[in-house]
PDB file of N, CA and C in Angstrom:
ATOM      1  N   MET A   1       7.649 -71.091 -56.449  1.00  0.00           N
ATOM      2  CA  MET A   1       6.912 -71.840 -55.558  1.00  0.00           C
ATOM      3  C   MET A   1       7.732 -73.209 -55.279  1.00  0.00           C
ATOM      4  N   GLU A   2       7.793 -73.429 -54.002  1.00  0.00           N
ATOM      5  CA  GLU A   2       8.561 -74.717 -53.413  1.00  0.00           C
ATOM      6  C   GLU A   2       7.694 -75.847 -53.648  1.00  0.00           C
ATOM      7  N   LYS A   3       6.123 -75.892 -53.237  1.00  0.00           N
ATOM      8  CA  LYS A   3       5.613 -76.803 -53.106  1.00  0.00           C
ATOM      9  C   LYS A   3       3.984 -76.351 -52.723  1.00  0.00           C
ATOM     10  N   VAL A   4       3.170 -77.291 -53.539  1.00  0.00           N
ATOM     11  CA  VAL A   4       1.758 -77.076 -53.413  1.00  0.00           C
ATOM     12  C   VAL A   4       1.219 -78.067 -52.612  1.00  0.00           C
ATOM     13  N   ASN A   5       0.258 -77.698 -51.606  1.00  0.00           N
ATOM     14  CA  ASN A   5      -0.477 -78.845 -50.707  1.00  0.00           C
ATOM     15  C   ASN A   5      -1.873 -78.753 -50.936  1.00  0.00           C
ATOM     16  N   HIS A   6      -2.299 -79.842 -51.922  1.00  0.00           N
ATOM     17  CA  HIS A   6      -3.995 -79.919 -52.140  1.00  0.00           C
ATOM     18  C   HIS A   6      -4.140 -81.506 -52.417  1.00  0.00           C
ATOM     19  N   PRO A   7      -5.137 -82.151 -51.657  1.00  0.00           N
ATOM     20  CA  PRO A   7      -5.369 -83.665 -51.731  1.00  0.00           C
ATOM     21  C   PRO A   7      -5.593 -84.027 -53.065  1.00  0.00           C
ATOM     22  N   ALA A   8      -5.977 -83.337 -54.186  1.00  0.00           N
ATOM     23  CA  ALA A   8      -6.108 -83.576 -55.477  1.00  0.00           C
ATOM     24  C   ALA A   8      -4.814 -84.072 -56.454  1.00  0.00           C
ATOM     25  N   LEU A   9      -3.950 -83.517 -55.625  1.00  0.00           N
ATOM     26  CA  LEU A   9      -2.286 -83.961 -56.059  1.00  0.00           C
ATOM     27  C   LEU A   9      -2.032 -85.492 -55.612  1.00  0.00           C
ATOM     28  N   GLU A  10      -1.417 -86.119 -56.573  1.00  0.00           N
ATOM     29  CA  GLU A  10      -1.521 -87.545 -56.236  1.00  0.00           C
ATOM     30  C   GLU A  10      -0.313 -87.659 -55.048  1.00  0.00           C
ATOM     31  N   SER A  11       0.562 -86.575 -54.911  1.00  0.00           N
ATOM     32  CA  SER A  11       1.589 -86.846 -54.037  1.00  0.00           C
ATOM     33  C   SER A  11       1.323 -86.569 -52.746  1.00  0.00           C
ATOM     34  N   HIS A  12      -0.036 -85.917 -52.461  1.00  0.00           N
ATOM     35  CA  HIS A  12      -0.739 -85.555 -51.192  1.00  0.00           C
ATOM     36  C   HIS A  12      -0.863 -86.845 -50.263  1.00  0.00           C
ATOM     37  N   PRO A  13      -0.625 -87.004 -49.006  1.00  0.00           N
ATOM     38  CA  PRO A  13      -0.891 -88.040 -48.283  1.00  0.00           C
ATOM     39  C   PRO A  13      -2.295 -88.675 -48.278  1.00  0.00           C
ATOM     40  N   ASP A  14      -3.166 -87.651 -48.212  1.00  0.00           N
ATOM     41  CA  ASP A  14      -4.762 -87.938 -48.381  1.00  0.00           C
ATOM     42  C   ASP A  14      -5.409 -88.322 -49.643  1.00  0.00           C
ATOM     43  N   HIS A  15      -4.172 -88.199 -50.535  1.00  0.00           N
ATOM     44  CA  HIS A  15      -5.210 -88.577 -52.200  1.00  0.00           C
ATOM     45  C   HIS A  15      -6.014 -89.390 -52.253  1.00  0.00           C
ATOM     46  N   ALA A  16      -5.832 -90.590 -51.546  1.00  0.00           N
ATOM     47  CA  ALA A  16      -6.909 -91.776 -51.607  1.00  0.00           C
ATOM     48  C   ALA A  16      -8.279 -91.557 -51.041  1.00  0.00           C
ATOM     49  N   ALA A  17      -8.092 -90.582 -50.114  1.00  0.00           N
ATOM     50  CA  ALA A  17      -9.569 -90.176 -49.291  1.00  0.00           C
ATOM     51  C   ALA A  17     -10.172 -89.515 -50.099  1.00  0.00           C
ATOM     52  N   TYR A  18      -9.620 -88.271 -50.820  1.00  0.00           N
ATOM     53  CA  TYR A  18      -9.765 -87.379 -51.632  1.00  0.00           C
ATOM     54  C   TYR A  18     -10.610 -87.972 -52.956  1.00  0.00           C
ATOM     55  N   LYS A  19     -10.102 -88.940 -53.398  1.00  0.00           N
ATOM     56  CA  LYS A  19     -10.579 -89.557 -54.642  1.00  0.00           C
ATOM     57  C   LYS A  19     -11.783 -90.195 -54.248  1.00  0.00           C
ATOM     58  N   LYS A  20     -11.996 -90.792 -53.078  1.00  0.00           N
ATOM     59  CA  LYS A  20     -13.149 -91.625 -52.513  1.00  0.00           C
ATOM     60  C   LYS A  20     -14.174 -90.492 -52.273  1.00  0.00           C
ATOM     61  N   TYR A  21     -13.974 -89.523 -51.444  1.00  0.00           N
ATOM     62  CA  TYR A  21     -14.893 -88.752 -51.305  1.00  0.00           C
ATOM     63  C   TYR A  21     -15.256 -87.772 -52.172  1.00  0.00           C
ATOM     64  N   PHE A  22     -14.395 -87.086 -52.720  1.00  0.00           N
ATOM     65  CA  PHE A  22     -14.850 -86.486 -53.880  1.00  0.00           C
ATOM     66  C   PHE A  22     -14.484 -86.577 -55.294  1.00  0.00           C
ATOM     67  N   PRO A  23     -15.338 -87.726 -55.864  1.00  0.00           N
ATOM     68  CA  PRO A  23     -15.061 -88.215 -57.179  1.00  0.00           C
ATOM     69  C   PRO A  23     -15.082 -87.339 -58.540  1.00  0.00           C
ATOM     70  N   THR A  24     -15.998 -86.263 -58.045  1.00  0.00           N
ATOM     71  CA  THR A  24     -15.899 -85.330 -59.394  1.00  0.00           C
ATOM     72  C   THR A  24     -15.081 -84.195 -58.998  1.00  0.00           C
ATOM     73  N   GLY A  25     -14.359 -84.077 -57.812  1.00  0.00           N
ATOM     74  CA  GLY A  25     -13.518 -82.977 -57.920  1.00  0.00           C
ATOM     75  C   GLY A  25     -13.988 -82.014 -56.679  1.00  0.00           C
ATOM     76  N   ALA A  26     -13.226 -81.461 -55.786  1.00  0.00           N
ATOM     77  CA  ALA A  26     -13.661 -80.433 -55.111  1.00  0.00           C
ATOM     78  C   ALA A  26     -12.656 -79.780 -54.330  1.00  0.00           C
ATOM     79  N   GLY A  27     -12.795 -78.860 -53.682  1.00  0.00           N
ATOM     80  CA  GLY A  27     -11.558 -78.009 -52.909  1.00  0.00           C
ATOM     81  C   GLY A  27     -11.019 -76.959 -53.494  1.00  0.00           C
ATOM     82  N   SER A  28     -11.228 -75.708 -53.202  1.00  0.00           N
ATOM     83  CA  SER A  28     -10.716 -74.275 -53.547  1.00  0.00           C
ATOM     84  C   SER A  28     -10.029 -73.790 -52.501  1.00  0.00           C
ATOM     85  N   ILE A  29      -9.561 -74.859 -51.413  1.00  0.00           N
ATOM     86  CA  ILE A  29      -8.927 -74.248 -50.550  1.00  0.00           C
ATOM     87  C   ILE A  29      -7.506 -74.712 -50.537  1.00  0.00           C
ATOM     88  N   PHE A  30      -6.384 -74.503 -50.663  1.00  0.00           N
ATOM     89  CA  PHE A  30      -5.105 -75.005 -50.569  1.00  0.00           C
ATOM     90  C   PHE A  30      -4.121 -74.040 -50.064  1.00  0.00           C
ATOM     91  N   THR A  31      -2.664 -74.913 -49.961  1.00  0.00           N
ATOM     92  CA  THR A  31      -1.512 -73.949 -49.468  1.00  0.00           C
ATOM     93  C   THR A  31      -0.498 -74.119 -50.183  1.00  0.00           C
ATOM     94  N   PHE A  32       0.256 -73.463 -50.260  1.00  0.00           N
ATOM     95  CA  PHE A  32       1.539 -73.479 -50.823  1.00  0.00           C
ATOM     96  C   PHE A  32       2.681 -72.703 -50.501  1.00  0.00           C
ATOM     97  N   GLU A  33       4.173 -73.417 -50.530  1.00  0.00           N
ATOM     98  CA  GLU A  33       5.085 -72.526 -49.553  1.00  0.00           C
ATOM     99  C   GLU A  33       5.808 -71.741 -50.853  1.00  0.00           C
ATOM    100  N   ILE A  34       5.963 -70.714 -50.634  1.00  0.00           N
ATOM    101  CA  ILE A  34       6.742 -69.635 -51.474  1.00  0.00           C
ATOM    102  C   ILE A  34       8.016 -69.813 -51.613  1.00  0.00           C
ATOM    103  N   LYS A  35       9.094 -69.959 -52.501  1.00  0.00           N
ATOM    104  CA  LYS A  35      10.346 -69.576 -52.379  1.00  0.00           C
ATOM    105  C   LYS A  35      10.721 -68.226 -51.345  1.00  0.00           C
ATOM    106  N   GLY A  36      11.462 -68.767 -50.308  1.00  0.00           N
ATOM    107  CA  GLY A  36      11.809 -67.430 -49.753  1.00  0.00           C
ATOM    108  C   GLY A  36      11.321 -67.884 -48.168  1.00  0.00           C
ATOM    109  N   THR A  37      11.161 -66.604 -47.374  1.00  0.00           N
ATOM    110  CA  THR A  37      11.066 -66.879 -45.930  1.00  0.00           C
ATOM    111  C   THR A  37       9.786 -66.204 -45.617  1.00  0.00           C
ATOM    112  N   ALA A  38       9.176 -66.315 -44.171  1.00  0.00           N
ATOM    113  CA  ALA A  38       8.299 -65.664 -43.813  1.00  0.00           C
ATOM    114  C   ALA A  38       8.022 -63.931 -44.207  1.00  0.00           C
ATOM    115  N   GLU A  39       8.994 -63.167 -44.403  1.00  0.00           N
ATOM    116  CA  GLU A  39       8.900 -62.058 -44.865  1.00  0.00           C
ATOM    117  C   GLU A  39       8.736 -62.046 -46.523  1.00  0.00           C
ATOM    118  N   THR A  40       8.848 -63.033 -47.145  1.00  0.00           N
ATOM    119  CA  THR A  40       8.686 -63.255 -48.714  1.00  0.00           C
ATOM    120  C   THR A  40       7.094 -63.525 -48.580  1.00  0.00           C
ATOM    121  N   ALA A  41       6.608 -64.446 -47.907  1.00  0.00           N
ATOM    122  CA  ALA A  41       5.336 -64.701 -47.920  1.00  0.00           C
ATOM    123  C   ALA A  41       4.466 -63.632 -47.789  1.00  0.00           C
ATOM    124  N   LYS A  42       4.878 -63.009 -46.619  1.00  0.00           N
ATOM    125  CA  LYS A  42       4.025 -61.491 -46.255  1.00  0.00           C
ATOM    126  C   LYS A  42       4.111 -60.376 -47.365  1.00  0.00           C
ATOM    127  N   LYS A  43       5.324 -60.303 -48.018  1.00  0.00           N
ATOM    128  CA  LYS A  43       5.215 -59.392 -48.990  1.00  0.00           C
ATOM    129  C   LYS A  43       4.495 -59.842 -50.169  1.00  0.00           C
ATOM    130  N   PHE A  44       4.324 -61.061 -50.396  1.00  0.00           N
ATOM    131  CA  PHE A  44       3.497 -61.521 -51.332  1.00  0.00           C
ATOM    132  C   PHE A  44       2.343 -61.452 -51.252  1.00  0.00           C
ATOM    133  N   ILE A  45       1.684 -61.752 -49.921  1.00  0.00           N
ATOM    134  CA  ILE A  45       0.454 -61.258 -49.386  1.00  0.00           C
ATOM    135  C   ILE A  45      -0.040 -60.056 -49.817  1.00  0.00           C
ATOM    136  N   ASP A  46       0.799 -59.032 -49.074  1.00  0.00           N
ATOM    137  CA  ASP A  46       0.721 -57.539 -49.209  1.00  0.00           C
ATOM    138  C   ASP A  46       0.368 -57.425 -50.834  1.00  0.00           C
ATOM    139  N   SER A  47       1.134 -58.001 -51.624  1.00  0.00           N
ATOM    140  CA  SER A  47       0.911 -57.514 -52.584  1.00  0.00           C
ATOM    141  C   SER A  47      -0.442 -57.804 -53.651  1.00  0.00           C
ATOM    142  N   LEU A  48      -1.052 -58.807 -52.764  1.00  0.00           N
ATOM    143  CA  LEU A  48      -2.372 -59.001 -53.810  1.00  0.00           C
ATOM    144  C   LEU A  48      -3.077 -57.997 -53.648  1.00  0.00           C
ATOM    145  N   GLU A  49      -4.046 -57.893 -54.624  1.00  0.00           N
ATOM    146  CA  GLU A  49      -4.881 -56.717 -54.504  1.00  0.00           C
ATOM    147  C   GLU A  49      -6.605 -57.117 -54.337  1.00  0.00           C
ATOM    148  N   LEU A  50      -6.934 -58.289 -55.169  1.00  0.00           N
ATOM    149  CA  LEU A  50      -8.287 -58.812 -55.306  1.00  0.00           C
ATOM    150  C   LEU A  50      -8.340 -59.682 -54.247  1.00  0.00           C
ATOM    151  N   PHE A  51      -7.457 -60.139 -53.521  1.00  0.00           N
ATOM    152  CA  PHE A  51      -7.510 -61.410 -52.505  1.00  0.00           C
ATOM    153  C   PHE A  51      -7.756 -60.576 -51.291  1.00  0.00           C
ATOM    154  N   SER A  52      -8.581 -61.161 -50.462  1.00  0.00           N
ATOM    155  CA  SER A  52      -8.737 -60.307 -48.949  1.00  0.00           C
ATOM    156  C   SER A  52      -7.999 -61.201 -47.762  1.00  0.00           C
ATOM    157  N   LEU A  53      -7.477 -60.462 -46.902  1.00  0.00           N
ATOM    158  CA  LEU A  53      -6.662 -61.053 -45.900  1.00  0.00           C
ATOM    159  C   LEU A  53      -7.390 -61.432 -44.572  1.00  0.00           C
ATOM    160  N   LEU A  54      -8.160 -62.572 -44.633  1.00  0.00           N
ATOM    161  CA  LEU A  54      -8.895 -63.284 -43.803  1.00  0.00           C
ATOM    162  C   LEU A  54      -8.920 -64.502 -43.489  1.00  0.00           C
ATOM    163  N   ALA A  55      -9.238 -65.047 -42.192  1.00  0.00           N
ATOM    164  CA  ALA A  55      -8.943 -66.283 -41.700  1.00  0.00           C
ATOM    165  C   ALA A  55     -10.216 -67.512 -42.166  1.00  0.00           C
ATOM    166  N   ASN A  56     -11.131 -66.493 -42.848  1.00  0.00           N
ATOM    167  CA  ASN A  56     -12.446 -67.604 -43.247  1.00  0.00           C
ATOM    168  C   ASN A  56     -11.769 -68.595 -44.176  1.00  0.00           C
ATOM    169  N   VAL A  57     -12.803 -69.305 -44.670  1.00  0.00           N
ATOM    170  CA  VAL A  57     -12.413 -70.366 -45.628  1.00  0.00           C
ATOM    171  C   VAL A  57     -13.814 -70.451 -46.302  1.00  0.00           C
ATOM    172  N   ALA A  58     -13.497 -71.053 -47.842  1.00  0.00           N
ATOM    173  CA  ALA A  58     -14.569 -71.253 -48.373  1.00  0.00           C
ATOM    174  C   ALA A  58     -15.556 -70.125 -48.378  1.00  0.00           C
ATOM    175  N   ASP A  59     -15.127 -68.978 -48.656  1.00  0.00           N
ATOM    176  CA  ASP A  59     -16.066 -67.425 -48.874  1.00  0.00           C
ATOM    177  C   ASP A  59     -16.630 -67.597 -50.542  1.00  0.00           C
ATOM    178  N   VAL A  60     -17.111 -66.545 -50.836  1.00  0.00           N
ATOM    179  CA  VAL A  60     -17.324 -66.217 -52.043  1.00  0.00           C
ATOM    180  C   VAL A  60     -16.127 -65.528 -52.591  1.00  0.00           C
ATOM    181  N   LYS A  61     -15.654 -64.869 -51.866  1.00  0.00           N
ATOM    182  CA  LYS A  61     -14.563 -63.946 -52.341  1.00  0.00           C
ATOM    183  C   LYS A  61     -13.158 -64.702 -52.082  1.00  0.00           C
ATOM    184  N   SER A  62     -12.236 -64.393 -53.008  1.00  0.00           N
ATOM    185  CA  SER A  62     -10.963 -65.017 -52.785  1.00  0.00           C
ATOM    186  C   SER A  62     -10.167 -64.708 -51.204  1.00  0.00           C
ATOM    187  N   LEU A  63      -9.770 -65.372 -50.600  1.00  0.00           N
ATOM    188  CA  LEU A  63      -9.075 -65.001 -49.321  1.00  0.00           C
ATOM    189  C   LEU A  63      -7.548 -65.609 -49.368  1.00  0.00           C
ATOM    190  N   VAL A  64      -6.786 -64.783 -48.614  1.00  0.00           N
ATOM    191  CA  VAL A  64      -5.449 -65.290 -48.372  1.00  0.00           C
ATOM    192  C   VAL A  64      -4.886 -65.491 -46.874  1.00  0.00           C
ATOM    193  N   ILE A  65      -4.452 -66.099 -46.217  1.00  0.00           N
ATOM    194  CA  ILE A  65      -3.701 -65.801 -45.136  1.00  0.00           C
ATOM    195  C   ILE A  65      -2.428 -66.447 -44.568  1.00  0.00           C
ATOM    196  N   HIS A  66      -1.389 -65.885 -44.192  1.00  0.00           N
ATOM    197  CA  HIS A  66      -0.267 -66.571 -43.536  1.00  0.00           C
ATOM    198  C   HIS A  66      -0.336 -67.371 -42.288  1.00  0.00           C
ATOM    199  N   PRO A  67      -0.578 -68.834 -42.052  1.00  0.00           N
ATOM    200  CA  PRO A  67      -1.143 -69.773 -41.100  1.00  0.00           C
ATOM    201  C   PRO A  67       0.242 -69.320 -39.957  1.00  0.00           C
ATOM    202  N   ALA A  68       1.032 -69.076 -40.138  1.00  0.00           N
ATOM    203  CA  ALA A  68       1.900 -69.428 -39.011  1.00  0.00           C
ATOM    204  C   ALA A  68       2.162 -67.854 -38.147  1.00  0.00           C
ATOM    205  N   SER A  69       1.654 -66.963 -38.695  1.00  0.00           N
ATOM    206  CA  SER A  69       1.476 -65.700 -37.776  1.00  0.00           C
ATOM    207  C   SER A  69       0.311 -65.418 -37.381  1.00  0.00           C
ATOM    208  N   THR A  70      -0.609 -66.136 -37.701  1.00  0.00           N
ATOM    209  CA  THR A  70      -2.227 -66.012 -37.841  1.00  0.00           C
ATOM    210  C   THR A  70      -2.892 -66.927 -37.088  1.00  0.00           C
ATOM    211  N   THR A  71      -3.552 -67.691 -37.946  1.00  0.00           N
ATOM    212  CA  THR A  71      -4.689 -68.809 -37.450  1.00  0.00           C
ATOM    213  C   THR A  71      -3.705 -70.213 -36.404  1.00  0.00           C
ATOM    214  N   HIS A  72      -2.374 -69.899 -36.745  1.00  0.00           N
ATOM    215  CA  HIS A  72      -1.757 -71.239 -35.985  1.00  0.00           C
ATOM    216  C   HIS A  72      -0.477 -70.351 -35.208  1.00  0.00           C
ATOM    217  N   SER A  73      -0.385 -69.216 -34.939  1.00  0.00           N
ATOM    218  CA  SER A  73       0.293 -68.420 -34.269  1.00  0.00           C
ATOM    219  C   SER A  73       0.752 -68.897 -32.778  1.00  0.00           C
ATOM    220  N   GLN A  74      -0.150 -69.722 -32.132  1.00  0.00           N
ATOM    221  CA  GLN A  74      -0.131 -70.228 -30.831  1.00  0.00           C
ATOM    222  C   GLN A  74       1.002 -71.114 -30.660  1.00  0.00           C
ATOM    223  N   MET A  75       1.251 -71.821 -31.776  1.00  0.00           N
ATOM    224  CA  MET A  75       2.357 -73.035 -31.882  1.00  0.00           C
ATOM    225  C   MET A  75       3.539 -72.782 -32.005  1.00  0.00           C
ATOM    226  N   ASN A  76       4.463 -73.616 -31.585  1.00  0.00           N
ATOM    227  CA  ASN A  76       5.893 -73.352 -31.686  1.00  0.00           C
ATOM    228  C   ASN A  76       6.237 -73.928 -32.966  1.00  0.00           C
ATOM    229  N   GLU A  77       7.552 -73.676 -33.252  1.00  0.00           N
ATOM    230  CA  GLU A  77       8.448 -74.129 -35.097  1.00  0.00           C
ATOM    231  C   GLU A  77       7.960 -75.690 -34.747  1.00  0.00           C
ATOM    232  N   SER A  78       8.371 -76.337 -33.751  1.00  0.00           N
ATOM    233  CA  SER A  78       8.393 -77.682 -34.039  1.00  0.00           C
ATOM    234  C   SER A  78       6.531 -78.312 -34.171  1.00  0.00           C
ATOM    235  N   GLU A  79       5.655 -77.545 -33.515  1.00  0.00           N
ATOM    236  CA  GLU A  79       4.358 -77.858 -33.693  1.00  0.00           C
ATOM    237  C   GLU A  79       3.832 -77.632 -35.390  1.00  0.00           C
ATOM    238  N   LEU A  80       4.314 -76.360 -35.423  1.00  0.00           N
ATOM    239  CA  LEU A  80       4.176 -75.778 -36.976  1.00  0.00           C
ATOM    240  C   LEU A  80       4.440 -76.967 -38.071  1.00  0.00           C
ATOM    241  N   ALA A  81       5.645 -77.460 -37.815  1.00  0.00           N
ATOM    242  CA  ALA A  81       6.389 -78.293 -38.836  1.00  0.00           C
ATOM    243  C   ALA A  81       5.615 -79.518 -38.786  1.00  0.00           C
ATOM    244  N   ASP A  82       5.075 -79.907 -37.568  1.00  0.00           N
ATOM    245  CA  ASP A  82       4.679 -81.358 -37.642  1.00  0.00           C
ATOM    246  C   ASP A  82       2.982 -81.300 -38.112  1.00  0.00           C
ATOM    247  N   SER A  83       2.541 -79.966 -38.388  1.00  0.00           N
ATOM    248  CA  SER A  83       1.325 -79.828 -39.020  1.00  0.00           C
ATOM    249  C   SER A  83       1.405 -79.210 -40.308  1.00  0.00           C
ATOM    250  N   GLY A  84       2.725 -79.259 -40.843  1.00  0.00           N
ATOM    251  CA  GLY A  84       2.855 -79.040 -42.355  1.00  0.00           C
ATOM    252  C   GLY A  84       2.827 -77.560 -42.613  1.00  0.00           C
ATOM    253  N   ILE A  85       3.147 -76.798 -41.416  1.00  0.00           N
ATOM    254  CA  ILE A  85       3.120 -75.466 -41.599  1.00  0.00           C
ATOM    255  C   ILE A  85       4.665 -74.829 -41.494  1.00  0.00           C
ATOM    256  N   GLN A  86       5.398 -74.225 -42.872  1.00  0.00           N
ATOM    257  CA  GLN A  86       6.480 -73.676 -42.725  1.00  0.00           C
ATOM    258  C   GLN A  86       6.409 -72.079 -42.571  1.00  0.00           C
ATOM    259  N   PRO A  87       7.244 -71.515 -42.337  1.00  0.00           N
ATOM    260  CA  PRO A  87       7.430 -69.874 -42.067  1.00  0.00           C
ATOM    261  C   PRO A  87       7.048 -69.347 -43.605  1.00  0.00           C
ATOM    262  N   ASN A  88       7.165 -70.022 -44.687  1.00  0.00           N
ATOM    263  CA  ASN A  88       6.869 -69.521 -46.120  1.00  0.00           C
ATOM    264  C   ASN A  88       5.560 -70.030 -46.446  1.00  0.00           C
ATOM    265  N   THR A  89       4.605 -70.701 -45.593  1.00  0.00           N
ATOM    266  CA  THR A  89       3.263 -71.183 -46.247  1.00  0.00           C
ATOM    267  C   THR A  89       2.601 -70.236 -46.156  1.00  0.00           C
ATOM    268  N   ILE A  90       1.494 -70.135 -47.213  1.00  0.00           N
ATOM    269  CA  ILE A  90       0.419 -69.364 -47.751  1.00  0.00           C
ATOM    270  C   ILE A  90      -0.768 -70.226 -48.005  1.00  0.00           C
ATOM    271  N   ARG A  91      -2.180 -69.638 -47.449  1.00  0.00           N
ATOM    272  CA  ARG A  91      -3.106 -70.365 -47.651  1.00  0.00           C
ATOM    273  C   ARG A  91      -4.024 -69.626 -48.541  1.00  0.00           C
ATOM    274  N   LEU A  92      -4.536 -70.202 -49.371  1.00  0.00           N
ATOM    275  CA  LEU A  92      -5.499 -69.324 -50.370  1.00  0.00           C
ATOM    276  C   LEU A  92      -6.911 -70.259 -50.668  1.00  0.00           C
ATOM    277  N   SER A  93      -7.794 -69.205 -50.484  1.00  0.00           N
ATOM    278  CA  SER A  93      -9.460 -69.806 -50.557  1.00  0.00           C
ATOM    279  C   SER A  93      -9.668 -69.402 -52.026  1.00  0.00           C
ATOM    280  N   ILE A  94      -9.889 -69.784 -52.890  1.00  0.00           N
ATOM    281  CA  ILE A  94     -10.409 -69.222 -54.232  1.00  0.00           C
ATOM    282  C   ILE A  94     -11.614 -68.926 -54.294  1.00  0.00           C
ATOM    283  N   GLY A  95     -12.211 -67.797 -54.581  1.00  0.00           N
ATOM    284  CA  GLY A  95     -13.697 -67.231 -54.538  1.00  0.00           C
ATOM    285  C   GLY A  95     -14.135 -67.254 -55.983  1.00  0.00           C
ATOM    286  N   THR A  96     -15.185 -66.667 -55.993  1.00  0.00           N
ATOM    287  CA  THR A  96     -16.050 -66.688 -57.497  1.00  0.00           C
ATOM    288  C   THR A  96     -15.683 -65.370 -58.394  1.00  0.00           C
ATOM    289  N   GLU A  97     -14.830 -64.930 -58.055  1.00  0.00           N
ATOM    290  CA  GLU A  97     -14.165 -64.019 -59.064  1.00  0.00           C
ATOM    291  C   GLU A  97     -13.679 -64.529 -60.576  1.00  0.00           C
ATOM    292  N   HIS A  98     -13.629 -63.575 -61.564  1.00  0.00           N
ATOM    293  CA  HIS A  98     -13.210 -64.449 -62.838  1.00  0.00           C
ATOM    294  C   HIS A  98     -12.021 -64.903 -62.727  1.00  0.00           C
ATOM    295  N   ILE A  99     -11.724 -65.907 -63.342  1.00  0.00           N
ATOM    296  CA  ILE A  99     -10.583 -66.400 -63.083  1.00  0.00           C
ATOM    297  C   ILE A  99      -9.381 -65.910 -63.674  1.00  0.00           C
ATOM    298  N   ASP A 100      -9.694 -65.169 -64.583  1.00  0.00           N
ATOM    299  CA  ASP A 100      -8.737 -64.184 -65.158  1.00  0.00           C
ATOM    300  C   ASP A 100      -8.172 -63.063 -64.389  1.00  0.00           C
ATOM    301  N   ASP A 101      -8.816 -62.685 -63.524  1.00  0.00           N
ATOM    302  CA  ASP A 101      -8.539 -61.647 -62.512  1.00  0.00           C
ATOM    303  C   ASP A 101      -8.186 -62.235 -61.283  1.00  0.00           C
ATOM    304  N   ILE A 102      -8.163 -63.499 -61.045  1.00  0.00           N
ATOM    305  CA  ILE A 102      -7.721 -63.908 -59.775  1.00  0.00           C
ATOM    306  C   ILE A 102      -6.273 -64.600 -59.994  1.00  0.00           C
ATOM    307  N   LEU A 103      -5.966 -65.039 -61.639  1.00  0.00           N
ATOM    308  CA  LEU A 103      -4.507 -65.320 -62.110  1.00  0.00           C
ATOM    309  C   LEU A 103      -3.984 -64.159 -62.324  1.00  0.00           C
ATOM    310  N   SER A 104      -4.272 -63.075 -62.661  1.00  0.00           N
ATOM    311  CA  SER A 104      -3.547 -61.530 -62.731  1.00  0.00           C
ATOM    312  C   SER A 104      -3.277 -61.329 -61.509  1.00  0.00           C
ATOM    313  N   ASP A 105      -3.951 -61.095 -60.468  1.00  0.00           N
ATOM    314  CA  ASP A 105      -3.646 -60.775 -59.255  1.00  0.00           C
ATOM    315  C   ASP A 105      -2.434 -61.706 -58.541  1.00  0.00           C
ATOM    316  N   LEU A 106      -2.386 -62.955 -58.868  1.00  0.00           N
ATOM    317  CA  LEU A 106      -1.627 -63.660 -58.226  1.00  0.00           C
ATOM    318  C   LEU A 106      -0.083 -63.751 -59.274  1.00  0.00           C
ATOM    319  N   ASP A 107      -0.366 -63.469 -60.451  1.00  0.00           N
ATOM    320  CA  ASP A 107       0.846 -63.034 -61.082  1.00  0.00           C
ATOM    321  C   ASP A 107       1.734 -62.024 -60.816  1.00  0.00           C
ATOM    322  N   GLU A 108       0.868 -60.877 -60.603  1.00  0.00           N
ATOM    323  CA  GLU A 108       1.589 -59.302 -60.010  1.00  0.00           C
ATOM    324  C   GLU A 108       1.922 -60.003 -58.809  1.00  0.00           C
ATOM    325  N   ALA A 109       1.139 -60.754 -57.840  1.00  0.00           N
ATOM    326  CA  ALA A 109       2.105 -60.799 -56.499  1.00  0.00           C
ATOM    327  C   ALA A 109       3.414 -61.619 -56.356  1.00  0.00           C
ATOM    328  N   PHE A 110       3.573 -62.709 -57.403  1.00  0.00           N
ATOM    329  CA  PHE A 110       4.853 -63.262 -57.613  1.00  0.00           C
ATOM    330  C   PHE A 110       5.529 -62.480 -58.264  1.00  0.00           C
ATOM    331  N   GLU A 111       5.407 -61.597 -59.169  1.00  0.00           N
ATOM    332  CA  GLU A 111       6.322 -60.581 -59.656  1.00  0.00           C
ATOM    333  C   GLU A 111       7.002 -59.809 -58.799  1.00  0.00           C
ATOM    334  N   ALA A 112       6.347 -59.478 -57.749  1.00  0.00           N
ATOM    335  CA  ALA A 112       6.448 -58.579 -56.600  1.00  0.00           C
ATOM    336  C   ALA A 112       7.462 -58.920 -55.755  1.00  0.00           C
ATOM    337  N   VAL A 113       7.721 -60.371 -55.552  1.00  0.00           N
ATOM    338  CA  VAL A 113       8.711 -61.064 -54.549  1.00  0.00           C
ATOM    339  C   VAL A 113       9.774 -61.594 -55.480  1.00  0.00           C
ATOM    340  N   LYS A 114       9.820 -61.663 -56.593  1.00  0.00           N
ATOM    341  CA  LYS A 114      10.920 -62.181 -57.555  1.00  0.00           C
ATOM    342  C   LYS A 114      12.471 -61.312 -57.203  1.00  0.00           C
TER     343      LYS A 114
END
């Protein structure tokens, strides 16, 4: 993984607002940049079994999407970059499945793209 984007991280530009508005924590939705290309990201997504490939967010089931080719596909490369979306960006929305099942699914997908 190259980079994780979530406002709970001190390095995130919106971290101060996150602390102010979510003092007890929040947010099961985040993005990360996987090491590799858009094809690596798509292979990772295709390797997931528990996660559903849907553009929804904050569902009770775990979801995954490749923003550059789906929800933000109308943007050009410059607009994507300005929005913080790289070709290797993956968005996850963590659901209510057992954490061990979620982590196992993610581990298997990471192994598939090594």
